[in-house]
C-alpha atoms as a PDB file:
ATOM      1  CA  MET A   1      46.648 -71.195-150.835  1.00  0.00           C
ATOM      2  CA  LYS A   2      44.291 -73.796-149.442  1.00  0.00           C
ATOM      3  CA  SER A   3      41.631 -72.701-147.019  1.00  0.00           C
ATOM      4  CA  LEU A   4      42.560 -72.975-143.369  1.00  0.00           C
ATOM      5  CA  VAL A   5      38.991 -72.623-142.160  1.00  0.00           C
ATOM      6  CA  ASN A   6      36.979 -75.827-142.025  1.00  0.00           C
ATOM      7  CA  SER A   7      33.256 -76.234-142.590  1.00  0.00           C
ATOM      8  CA  GLU A   8      32.518 -75.423-138.957  1.00  0.00           C
ATOM      9  CA  GLN A   9      34.656 -72.259-139.154  1.00  0.00           C
ATOM     10  CA  ASN A  10      36.835 -73.627-136.385  1.00  0.00           C
ATOM     11  CA  ILE A  11      40.245 -72.063-135.883  1.00  0.00           C
ATOM     12  CA  LEU A  12      41.004 -74.106-132.790  1.00  0.00           C
ATOM     13  CA  ILE A  13      42.821 -77.108-134.214  1.00  0.00           C
ATOM     14  CA  ASP A  14      46.574 -77.485-134.078  1.00  0.00           C
ATOM     15  CA  LYS A  15      48.873 -76.009-131.494  1.00  0.00           C
ATOM     16  CA  VAL A  16      52.008 -74.538-132.979  1.00  0.00           C
ATOM     17  CA  SER A  17      55.042 -76.639-132.243  1.00  0.00           C
ATOM     18  CA  ASP A  18      57.869 -76.072-131.218  1.00  0.00           C
ATOM     19  CA  ASP A  19      68.864 -37.330-123.802  1.00  0.00           C
ATOM     20  CA  ILE A  20      71.283 -39.193-125.741  1.00  0.00           C
ATOM     21  CA  GLU A  21      69.746 -38.685-129.161  1.00  0.00           C
ATOM     22  CA  LEU A  22      69.115 -41.649-131.414  1.00  0.00           C
ATOM     23  CA  ASN A  23      72.663 -42.879-131.624  1.00  0.00           C
ATOM     24  CA  HIS A  24      72.469 -43.884-135.249  1.00  0.00           C
ATOM     25  CA  ILE A  25      70.015 -44.071-138.096  1.00  0.00           C
ATOM     26  CA  ASN A  26      71.277 -46.325-140.834  1.00  0.00           C
ATOM     27  CA  SER A  27      70.615 -46.165-144.557  1.00  0.00           C
ATOM     28  CA  MET A  28      68.990 -49.571-144.870  1.00  0.00           C
ATOM     29  CA  ASN A  29      65.561 -50.139-146.276  1.00  0.00           C
ATOM     30  CA  PHE A  30      63.171 -52.706-144.781  1.00  0.00           C
ATOM     31  CA  LYS A  31      64.777 -55.549-146.693  1.00  0.00           C
ATOM     32  CA  GLY A  32      68.177 -54.847-145.146  1.00  0.00           C
ATOM     33  CA  GLN A  33      69.793 -53.676-148.364  1.00  0.00           C
ATOM     34  CA  PRO A  34      71.518 -50.311-148.854  1.00  0.00           C
ATOM     35  CA  GLY A  35      69.282 -47.821-150.563  1.00  0.00           C
ATOM     36  CA  ASP A  36      66.807 -45.010-150.283  1.00  0.00           C
ATOM     37  CA  ARG A  37      65.005 -45.261-146.932  1.00  0.00           C
ATOM     38  CA  ASN A  38      61.911 -43.717-148.472  1.00  0.00           C
ATOM     39  CA  ASN A  39      61.336 -46.605-150.869  1.00  0.00           C
ATOM     40  CA  TYR A  40      59.430 -48.580-148.214  1.00  0.00           C
ATOM     41  CA  TYR A  41      56.733 -45.921-148.338  1.00  0.00           C
ATOM     42  CA  ASP A  42      55.731 -47.378-151.721  1.00  0.00           C
ATOM     43  CA  LYS A  43      55.121 -50.950-150.589  1.00  0.00           C
ATOM     44  CA  LYS A  44      53.003 -52.879-148.149  1.00  0.00           C
ATOM     45  CA  VAL A  45      54.731 -53.245-144.801  1.00  0.00           C
ATOM     46  CA  ILE A  46      54.338 -55.116-141.507  1.00  0.00           C
ATOM     47  CA  ILE A  47      56.071 -53.595-138.480  1.00  0.00           C
ATOM     48  CA  THR A  48      55.895 -55.640-135.289  1.00  0.00           C
ATOM     49  CA  ILE A  49      56.601 -54.373-131.773  1.00  0.00           C
ATOM     50  CA  VAL A  50      57.987 -57.084-129.507  1.00  0.00           C
ATOM     51  CA  SER A  51      59.406 -57.502-126.012  1.00  0.00           C
ATOM     52  CA  ASN A  52      59.477 -60.200-123.361  1.00  0.00           C
ATOM     53  CA  LYS A  53      59.579 -57.552-120.613  1.00  0.00           C
ATOM     54  CA  GLY A  54      56.322 -56.048-119.417  1.00  0.00           C
ATOM     55  CA  GLY A  55      55.851 -52.326-118.969  1.00  0.00           C
ATOM     56  CA  VAL A  56      58.425 -51.244-121.548  1.00  0.00           C
ATOM     57  CA  GLY A  57      55.903 -49.308-123.653  1.00  0.00           C
ATOM     58  CA  LYS A  58      55.109 -51.686-126.531  1.00  0.00           C
ATOM     59  CA  THR A  59      51.552 -50.445-126.969  1.00  0.00           C
ATOM     60  CA  SER A  60      52.634 -46.809-126.744  1.00  0.00           C
ATOM     61  CA  VAL A  61      55.288 -47.428-129.406  1.00  0.00           C
ATOM     62  CA  ALA A  62      52.770 -49.221-131.640  1.00  0.00           C
ATOM     63  CA  ILE A  63      50.318 -46.321-131.384  1.00  0.00           C
ATOM     64  CA  ALA A  64      53.039 -43.746-132.064  1.00  0.00           C
ATOM     65  CA  VAL A  65      54.291 -45.688-135.110  1.00  0.00           C
ATOM     66  CA  ALA A  66      50.751 -45.921-136.515  1.00  0.00           C
ATOM     67  CA  MET A  67      50.225 -42.207-135.953  1.00  0.00           C
ATOM     68  CA  PHE A  68      53.558 -41.444-137.622  1.00  0.00           C
ATOM     69  CA  PHE A  69      52.596 -43.326-140.788  1.00  0.00           C
ATOM     70  CA  SER A  70      49.143 -41.764-140.661  1.00  0.00           C
ATOM     71  CA  GLU A  71      50.782 -38.356-140.812  1.00  0.00           C
ATOM     72  CA  LYS A  72      53.561 -39.320-143.204  1.00  0.00           C
ATOM     73  CA  VAL A  73      52.106 -41.468-145.970  1.00  0.00           C
ATOM     74  CA  LYS A  74      48.335 -40.829-145.902  1.00  0.00           C
ATOM     75  CA  LYS A  75      47.641 -44.506-146.640  1.00  0.00           C
ATOM     76  CA  LYS A  76      45.487 -47.026-144.799  1.00  0.00           C
ATOM     77  CA  ILE A  77      47.021 -48.384-141.597  1.00  0.00           C
ATOM     78  CA  LEU A  78      45.840 -51.227-139.380  1.00  0.00           C
ATOM     79  CA  LEU A  79      46.863 -51.532-135.742  1.00  0.00           C
ATOM     80  CA  LEU A  80      46.704 -55.254-134.974  1.00  0.00           C
ATOM     81  CA  GLU A  81      46.784 -56.528-131.402  1.00  0.00           C
ATOM     82  CA  LEU A  82      48.337 -59.947-130.767  1.00  0.00           C
ATOM     83  CA  ASP A  83      47.938 -59.859-127.011  1.00  0.00           C
ATOM     84  CA  SER A  84      45.676 -62.246-125.146  1.00  0.00           C
ATOM     85  CA  SER A  85      46.742 -61.223-121.648  1.00  0.00           C
ATOM     86  CA  PRO A  86      44.297 -59.432-122.458  1.00  0.00           C
ATOM     87  CA  GLY A  87      45.628 -56.366-124.229  1.00  0.00           C
ATOM     88  CA  ASP A  88      44.691 -52.688-123.986  1.00  0.00           C
ATOM     89  CA  PHE A  89      43.051 -52.040-127.357  1.00  0.00           C
ATOM     90  CA  GLY A  90      39.507 -52.664-126.162  1.00  0.00           C
ATOM     91  CA  VAL A  91      39.758 -49.965-123.479  1.00  0.00           C
ATOM     92  CA  ILE A  92      41.961 -47.460-125.296  1.00  0.00           C
ATOM     93  CA  PHE A  93      39.970 -47.531-128.537  1.00  0.00           C
ATOM     94  CA  ASP A  94      36.559 -48.372-127.019  1.00  0.00           C
ATOM     95  CA  ILE A  95      36.165 -51.458-129.211  1.00  0.00           C
ATOM     96  CA  GLU A  96      33.036 -53.533-128.782  1.00  0.00           C
ATOM     97  CA  ASN A  97      33.240 -57.135-127.567  1.00  0.00           C
ATOM     98  CA  ASN A  98      31.854 -58.421-130.858  1.00  0.00           C
ATOM     99  CA  LYS A  99      34.849 -57.044-132.754  1.00  0.00           C
ATOM    100  CA  SER A 100      38.027 -59.041-132.207  1.00  0.00           C
ATOM    101  CA  LEU A 101      40.857 -60.962-133.804  1.00  0.00           C
ATOM    102  CA  GLU A 102      39.176 -64.231-132.830  1.00  0.00           C
ATOM    103  CA  LEU A 103      36.259 -63.540-135.183  1.00  0.00           C
ATOM    104  CA  ALA A 104      38.535 -62.172-137.890  1.00  0.00           C
ATOM    105  CA  LEU A 105      40.485 -65.436-137.832  1.00  0.00           C
ATOM    106  CA  ARG A 106      37.294 -67.492-138.004  1.00  0.00           C
ATOM    107  CA  PHE A 107      35.969 -65.492-140.942  1.00  0.00           C
ATOM    108  CA  PRO A 108      39.019 -63.892-142.594  1.00  0.00           C
ATOM    109  CA  GLU A 109      37.124 -62.967-145.740  1.00  0.00           C
ATOM    110  CA  LYS A 110      34.856 -60.810-143.541  1.00  0.00           C
ATOM    111  CA  TYR A 111      37.584 -59.460-141.229  1.00  0.00           C
ATOM    112  CA  SER A 112      36.640 -55.827-141.995  1.00  0.00           C
ATOM    113  CA  GLU A 113      33.441 -56.302-139.987  1.00  0.00           C
ATOM    114  CA  TYR A 114      35.568 -56.673-136.840  1.00  0.00           C
ATOM    115  CA  VAL A 115      37.818 -53.655-137.415  1.00  0.00           C
ATOM    116  CA  LYS A 116      37.181 -50.223-135.907  1.00  0.00           C
ATOM    117  CA  ASN A 117      38.316 -46.867-137.253  1.00  0.00           C
ATOM    118  CA  ILE A 118      40.185 -45.005-134.514  1.00  0.00           C
ATOM    119  CA  TYR A 119      41.781 -42.056-136.306  1.00  0.00           C
ATOM    120  CA  LYS A 120      41.406 -40.774-139.871  1.00  0.00           C
ATOM    121  CA  ASN A 121      43.218 -43.462-141.918  1.00  0.00           C
ATOM    122  CA  VAL A 122      44.064 -45.689-138.901  1.00  0.00           C
ATOM    123  CA  ASP A 123      41.919 -48.694-137.939  1.00  0.00           C
ATOM    124  CA  ALA A 124      42.371 -51.167-135.096  1.00  0.00           C
ATOM    125  CA  LEU A 125      41.713 -54.881-134.670  1.00  0.00           C
ATOM    126  CA  LYS A 126      41.447 -55.916-131.021  1.00  0.00           C
ATOM    127  CA  GLY A 127      43.221 -59.063-129.869  1.00  0.00           C
ATOM    128  CA  ILE A 128      41.838 -62.300-128.455  1.00  0.00           C
ATOM    129  CA  SER A 129      40.937 -61.885-124.782  1.00  0.00           C
ATOM    130  CA  ASN A 130      41.071 -65.590-123.930  1.00  0.00           C
ATOM    131  CA  PRO A 131      44.662 -66.937-123.825  1.00  0.00           C
ATOM    132  CA  LEU A 132      43.463 -70.539-124.218  1.00  0.00           C
ATOM    133  CA  ILE A 133      41.864 -69.672-127.551  1.00  0.00           C
ATOM    134  CA  ALA A 134      44.967 -67.768-128.627  1.00  0.00           C
ATOM    135  CA  GLU A 135      47.188 -70.754-127.861  1.00  0.00           C
ATOM    136  CA  ASN A 136      45.138 -73.000-130.130  1.00  0.00           C
ATOM    137  CA  ILE A 137      44.967 -70.932-133.294  1.00  0.00           C
ATOM    138  CA  LYS A 138      45.727 -72.844-136.473  1.00  0.00           C
ATOM    139  CA  LYS A 139      49.352 -72.616-137.463  1.00  0.00           C
ATOM    140  CA  ASP A 140      48.786 -70.640-140.687  1.00  0.00           C
ATOM    141  CA  ALA A 141      45.600 -68.762-139.763  1.00  0.00           C
ATOM    142  CA  ILE A 142      47.543 -65.534-139.236  1.00  0.00           C
ATOM    143  CA  ASN A 143      49.092 -65.817-142.707  1.00  0.00           C
ATOM    144  CA  LEU A 144      45.692 -66.236-144.316  1.00  0.00           C
ATOM    145  CA  LEU A 145      44.256 -63.250-142.468  1.00  0.00           C
ATOM    146  CA  ILE A 146      47.209 -61.048-143.448  1.00  0.00           C
ATOM    147  CA  ASN A 147      46.580 -61.896-147.110  1.00  0.00           C
ATOM    148  CA  PHE A 148      43.042 -60.534-146.790  1.00  0.00           C
ATOM    149  CA  ILE A 149      44.147 -57.477-144.795  1.00  0.00           C
ATOM    150  CA  PHE A 150      46.734 -56.480-147.398  1.00  0.00           C
ATOM    151  CA  LYS A 151      43.983 -56.214-149.990  1.00  0.00           C
ATOM    152  CA  ASP A 152      42.771 -53.131-148.112  1.00  0.00           C
ATOM    153  CA  TYR A 153      45.716 -51.803-146.061  1.00  0.00           C
ATOM    154  CA  ASP A 154      49.252 -50.653-146.859  1.00  0.00           C
ATOM    155  CA  TYR A 155      50.679 -50.814-143.330  1.00  0.00           C
ATOM    156  CA  ILE A 156      50.078 -53.260-140.495  1.00  0.00           C
ATOM    157  CA  ILE A 157      51.493 -52.252-137.111  1.00  0.00           C
ATOM    158  CA  VAL A 158      51.417 -55.175-134.674  1.00  0.00           C
ATOM    159  CA  ASP A 159      51.426 -54.892-130.879  1.00  0.00           C
ATOM    160  CA  THR A 160      52.376 -58.209-129.274  1.00  0.00           C
ATOM    161  CA  GLN A 161      52.255 -59.793-125.842  1.00  0.00           C
ATOM    162  CA  THR A 162      55.298 -60.593-123.704  1.00  0.00           C
ATOM    163  CA  VAL A 163      54.887 -64.363-124.218  1.00  0.00           C
ATOM    164  CA  ILE A 164      56.044 -65.491-127.652  1.00  0.00           C
ATOM    165  CA  ASN A 165      53.476 -68.018-128.868  1.00  0.00           C
ATOM    166  CA  GLY A 166      52.637 -69.474-132.283  1.00  0.00           C
ATOM    167  CA  PRO A 167      50.650 -66.512-133.681  1.00  0.00           C
ATOM    168  CA  VAL A 168      53.345 -64.067-132.567  1.00  0.00           C
ATOM    169  CA  LEU A 169      56.045 -66.156-134.244  1.00  0.00           C
ATOM    170  CA  ASP A 170      53.961 -66.313-137.418  1.00  0.00           C
ATOM    171  CA  ILE A 171      53.672 -62.521-137.577  1.00  0.00           C
ATOM    172  CA  LEU A 172      57.368 -62.061-136.766  1.00  0.00           C
ATOM    173  CA  LYS A 173      58.282 -64.249-139.730  1.00  0.00           C
ATOM    174  CA  LEU A 174      56.032 -62.168-141.978  1.00  0.00           C
ATOM    175  CA  SER A 175      57.280 -58.827-140.649  1.00  0.00           C
ATOM    176  CA  ASP A 176      59.405 -56.443-142.680  1.00  0.00           C
ATOM    177  CA  GLU A 177      60.688 -54.738-139.545  1.00  0.00           C
ATOM    178  CA  ILE A 178      60.725 -55.733-135.869  1.00  0.00           C
ATOM    179  CA  LEU A 179      61.157 -53.191-133.087  1.00  0.00           C
ATOM    180  CA  ALA A 180      62.450 -55.001-129.984  1.00  0.00           C
ATOM    181  CA  ILE A 181      61.704 -52.736-127.019  1.00  0.00           C
ATOM    182  CA  SER A 182      63.525 -52.616-123.700  1.00  0.00           C
ATOM    183  CA  GLU A 183      63.290 -50.132-120.896  1.00  0.00           C
ATOM    184  CA  TYR A 184      66.400 -48.374-119.613  1.00  0.00           C
ATOM    185  CA  SER A 185      67.689 -50.940-117.120  1.00  0.00           C
ATOM    186  CA  LEU A 186      70.368 -53.606-117.333  1.00  0.00           C
ATOM    187  CA  GLU A 187      67.917 -56.350-116.332  1.00  0.00           C
ATOM    188  CA  SER A 188      65.506 -55.376-119.104  1.00  0.00           C
ATOM    189  CA  VAL A 189      68.265 -54.994-121.696  1.00  0.00           C
ATOM    190  CA  ALA A 190      69.622 -58.443-120.826  1.00  0.00           C
ATOM    191  CA  ARG A 191      66.182 -60.056-121.064  1.00  0.00           C
ATOM    192  CA  VAL A 192      65.274 -58.502-124.409  1.00  0.00           C
ATOM    193  CA  SER A 193      68.748 -59.211-125.791  1.00  0.00           C
ATOM    194  CA  SER A 194      68.243 -62.886-124.932  1.00  0.00           C
ATOM    195  CA  LEU A 195      64.865 -62.841-126.693  1.00  0.00           C
ATOM    196  CA  ILE A 196      66.452 -61.436-129.840  1.00  0.00           C
ATOM    197  CA  ASP A 197      69.119 -64.143-129.701  1.00  0.00           C
ATOM    198  CA  ILE A 198      66.432 -66.847-129.481  1.00  0.00           C
ATOM    199  CA  LEU A 199      64.406 -65.372-132.331  1.00  0.00           C
ATOM    200  CA  VAL A 200      67.455 -65.286-134.584  1.00  0.00           C
ATOM    201  CA  LYS A 201      69.077 -68.598-133.662  1.00  0.00           C
ATOM    202  CA  LYS A 202      66.113 -70.839-132.851  1.00  0.00           C
ATOM    203  CA  PHE A 203      63.375 -69.419-135.068  1.00  0.00           C
ATOM    204  CA  SER A 204      65.525 -68.115-137.949  1.00  0.00           C
ATOM    205  CA  ILE A 205      64.248 -64.529-137.815  1.00  0.00           C
ATOM    206  CA  PRO A 206      66.770 -62.509-139.892  1.00  0.00           C
ATOM    207  CA  ASP A 207      68.686 -60.187-137.589  1.00  0.00           C
ATOM    208  CA  TYR A 208      68.645 -57.374-140.162  1.00  0.00           C
ATOM    209  CA  LYS A 209      64.892 -57.038-139.553  1.00  0.00           C
ATOM    210  CA  ILE A 210      65.355 -56.320-135.834  1.00  0.00           C
ATOM    211  CA  LYS A 211      65.961 -52.881-134.336  1.00  0.00           C
ATOM    212  CA  PHE A 212      66.818 -52.857-130.631  1.00  0.00           C
ATOM    213  CA  ILE A 213      65.160 -49.791-129.071  1.00  0.00           C
ATOM    214  CA  ILE A 214      65.799 -48.590-125.503  1.00  0.00           C
ATOM    215  CA  ASN A 215      62.703 -46.782-124.236  1.00  0.00           C
ATOM    216  CA  LYS A 216      62.149 -44.542-121.185  1.00  0.00           C
ATOM    217  CA  ARG A 217      65.682 -43.235-120.932  1.00  0.00           C
ATOM    218  CA  LYS A 218      65.945 -40.675-118.150  1.00  0.00           C
ATOM    219  CA  PHE A 219      68.513 -37.904-118.163  1.00  0.00           C
ATOM    220  CA  LEU A 220      70.436 -39.052-115.093  1.00  0.00           C
ATOM    221  CA  HIS A 221      70.504 -42.745-116.030  1.00  0.00           C
ATOM    222  CA  ILE A 222      73.854 -43.659-117.531  1.00  0.00           C
ATOM    223  CA  PHE A 223      74.925 -47.118-118.624  1.00  0.00           C
ATOM    224  CA  LYS A 224      78.512 -48.146-118.301  1.00  0.00           C
ATOM    225  CA  VAL A 225      79.766 -49.293-121.690  1.00  0.00           C
ATOM    226  CA  TRP A 226      81.422 -52.392-120.295  1.00  0.00           C
ATOM    227  CA  ASP A 227      78.230 -53.442-118.479  1.00  0.00           C
ATOM    228  CA  ILE A 228      76.213 -53.336-121.701  1.00  0.00           C
ATOM    229  CA  SER A 229      78.889 -55.070-123.757  1.00  0.00           C
ATOM    230  CA  LYS A 230      78.626 -58.092-121.467  1.00  0.00           C
ATOM    231  CA  ILE A 231      74.909 -58.668-122.017  1.00  0.00           C
ATOM    232  CA  ILE A 232      73.837 -57.569-125.486  1.00  0.00           C
ATOM    233  CA  LYS A 233      74.443 -59.379-128.748  1.00  0.00           C
ATOM    234  CA  ILE A 234      72.939 -56.804-131.122  1.00  0.00           C
ATOM    235  CA  PRO A 235      73.707 -53.092-131.467  1.00  0.00           C
ATOM    236  CA  ILE A 236      71.300 -50.656-129.828  1.00  0.00           C
ATOM    237  CA  TYR A 237      69.574 -48.886-132.692  1.00  0.00           C
ATOM    238  CA  ALA A 238      68.049 -45.990-130.777  1.00  0.00           C
ATOM    239  CA  PHE A 239      67.377 -44.493-127.368  1.00  0.00           C
ATOM    240  CA  VAL A 240      63.983 -42.933-126.679  1.00  0.00           C
ATOM    241  CA  LYS A 241      63.863 -40.348-123.905  1.00  0.00           C
ATOM    242  CA  PHE A 242      61.385 -40.756-121.081  1.00  0.00           C
ATOM    243  CA  ASP A 243      58.345 -38.526-121.526  1.00  0.00           C
ATOM    244  CA  GLY A 244      56.395 -38.140-118.309  1.00  0.00           C
ATOM    245  CA  LYS A 245      53.648 -36.255-120.160  1.00  0.00           C
ATOM    246  CA  PHE A 246      52.877 -39.112-122.526  1.00  0.00           C
ATOM    247  CA  ASN A 247      50.533 -41.966-121.703  1.00  0.00           C
ATOM    248  CA  LYS A 248      48.131 -44.117-123.683  1.00  0.00           C
ATOM    249  CA  SER A 249      45.120 -42.233-122.341  1.00  0.00           C
ATOM    250  CA  LYS A 250      46.011 -39.335-124.641  1.00  0.00           C
ATOM    251  CA  PHE A 251      44.473 -41.373-127.429  1.00  0.00           C
ATOM    252  CA  ILE A 252      41.203 -41.504-125.528  1.00  0.00           C
ATOM    253  CA  PHE A 253      40.891 -37.803-124.747  1.00  0.00           C
ATOM    254  CA  ASN A 254      42.861 -35.918-127.407  1.00  0.00           C
ATOM    255  CA  LYS A 255      44.355 -37.930-130.259  1.00  0.00           C
ATOM    256  CA  ASP A 256      45.939 -34.979-132.021  1.00  0.00           C
ATOM    257  CA  SER A 257      47.913 -34.045-128.893  1.00  0.00           C
ATOM    258  CA  ILE A 258      50.071 -37.131-129.441  1.00  0.00           C
ATOM    259  CA  PHE A 259      51.836 -35.379-132.317  1.00  0.00           C
ATOM    260  CA  ASN A 260      53.168 -32.712-129.944  1.00  0.00           C
ATOM    261  CA  THR A 261      54.645 -35.079-127.351  1.00  0.00           C
ATOM    262  CA  ARG A 262      58.358 -35.648-126.998  1.00  0.00           C
ATOM    263  CA  PHE A 263      57.706 -39.396-127.118  1.00  0.00           C
ATOM    264  CA  PHE A 264      56.090 -39.178-130.562  1.00  0.00           C
ATOM    265  CA  LYS A 265      58.941 -37.009-131.850  1.00  0.00           C
ATOM    266  CA  GLU A 266      61.476 -39.547-130.576  1.00  0.00           C
ATOM    267  CA  ILE A 267      59.672 -42.459-132.228  1.00  0.00           C
ATOM    268  CA  LYS A 268      59.404 -40.445-135.429  1.00  0.00           C
ATOM    269  CA  LYS A 269      63.197 -40.231-135.615  1.00  0.00           C
ATOM    270  CA  ILE A 270      63.475 -44.009-135.877  1.00  0.00           C
ATOM    271  CA  PHE A 271      61.975 -43.837-139.377  1.00  0.00           C
END
């Protein structure tokens, strides 16, 4: 692969162009073929969390997924933030300003200098805080960085922003599995369903990679089947019950307590 970093180490060149339980757990591996679900534990994997609706719990899901693999496979995991809104990683994981995705993209061969260990075998790479910089990342800079990351890590869990830009599309195309997150409301389900439709039809993301997850389901909230059938174009893969005791601050004050939350146990069932 040719280098995407010029002599001035400039990444800013081309814009990219254009308590219901889990209702089913299928027997597909990450490549969408029938087989032993455990076989993905033996390969390098990118799992991306995506939604075009704010407040649905993307970051919480990303953290829970990383913690699940930390507990399950005992391999190296990187939590990667692709959120320039800015995202929450800097605050949640107390990451210094001089450690960020922007620098990792400028110097991909030295990306490890900008990563912070946050829990045992889990590290985090904070996103770019300036949306103007994020919008002008080279088209293939993400691909190059991922190549370097996979020399050291087995799992990359990606937390994305609500706006789908070039870097987010690049990581979606590289992903083995995409968790599309909606909250438990018809408006949110309709919006995320439309996003999935665009990703599949306009950007050629294979639909077998996408799992539609409904988060924050409360006991008394009941969808009418005919209402949902009018707005969604992909089966709902799982419902995650609302857990009022879970919030992202648990990672700040007591990381191990996450394993005992209902939210973590619900996310764990997805895998």
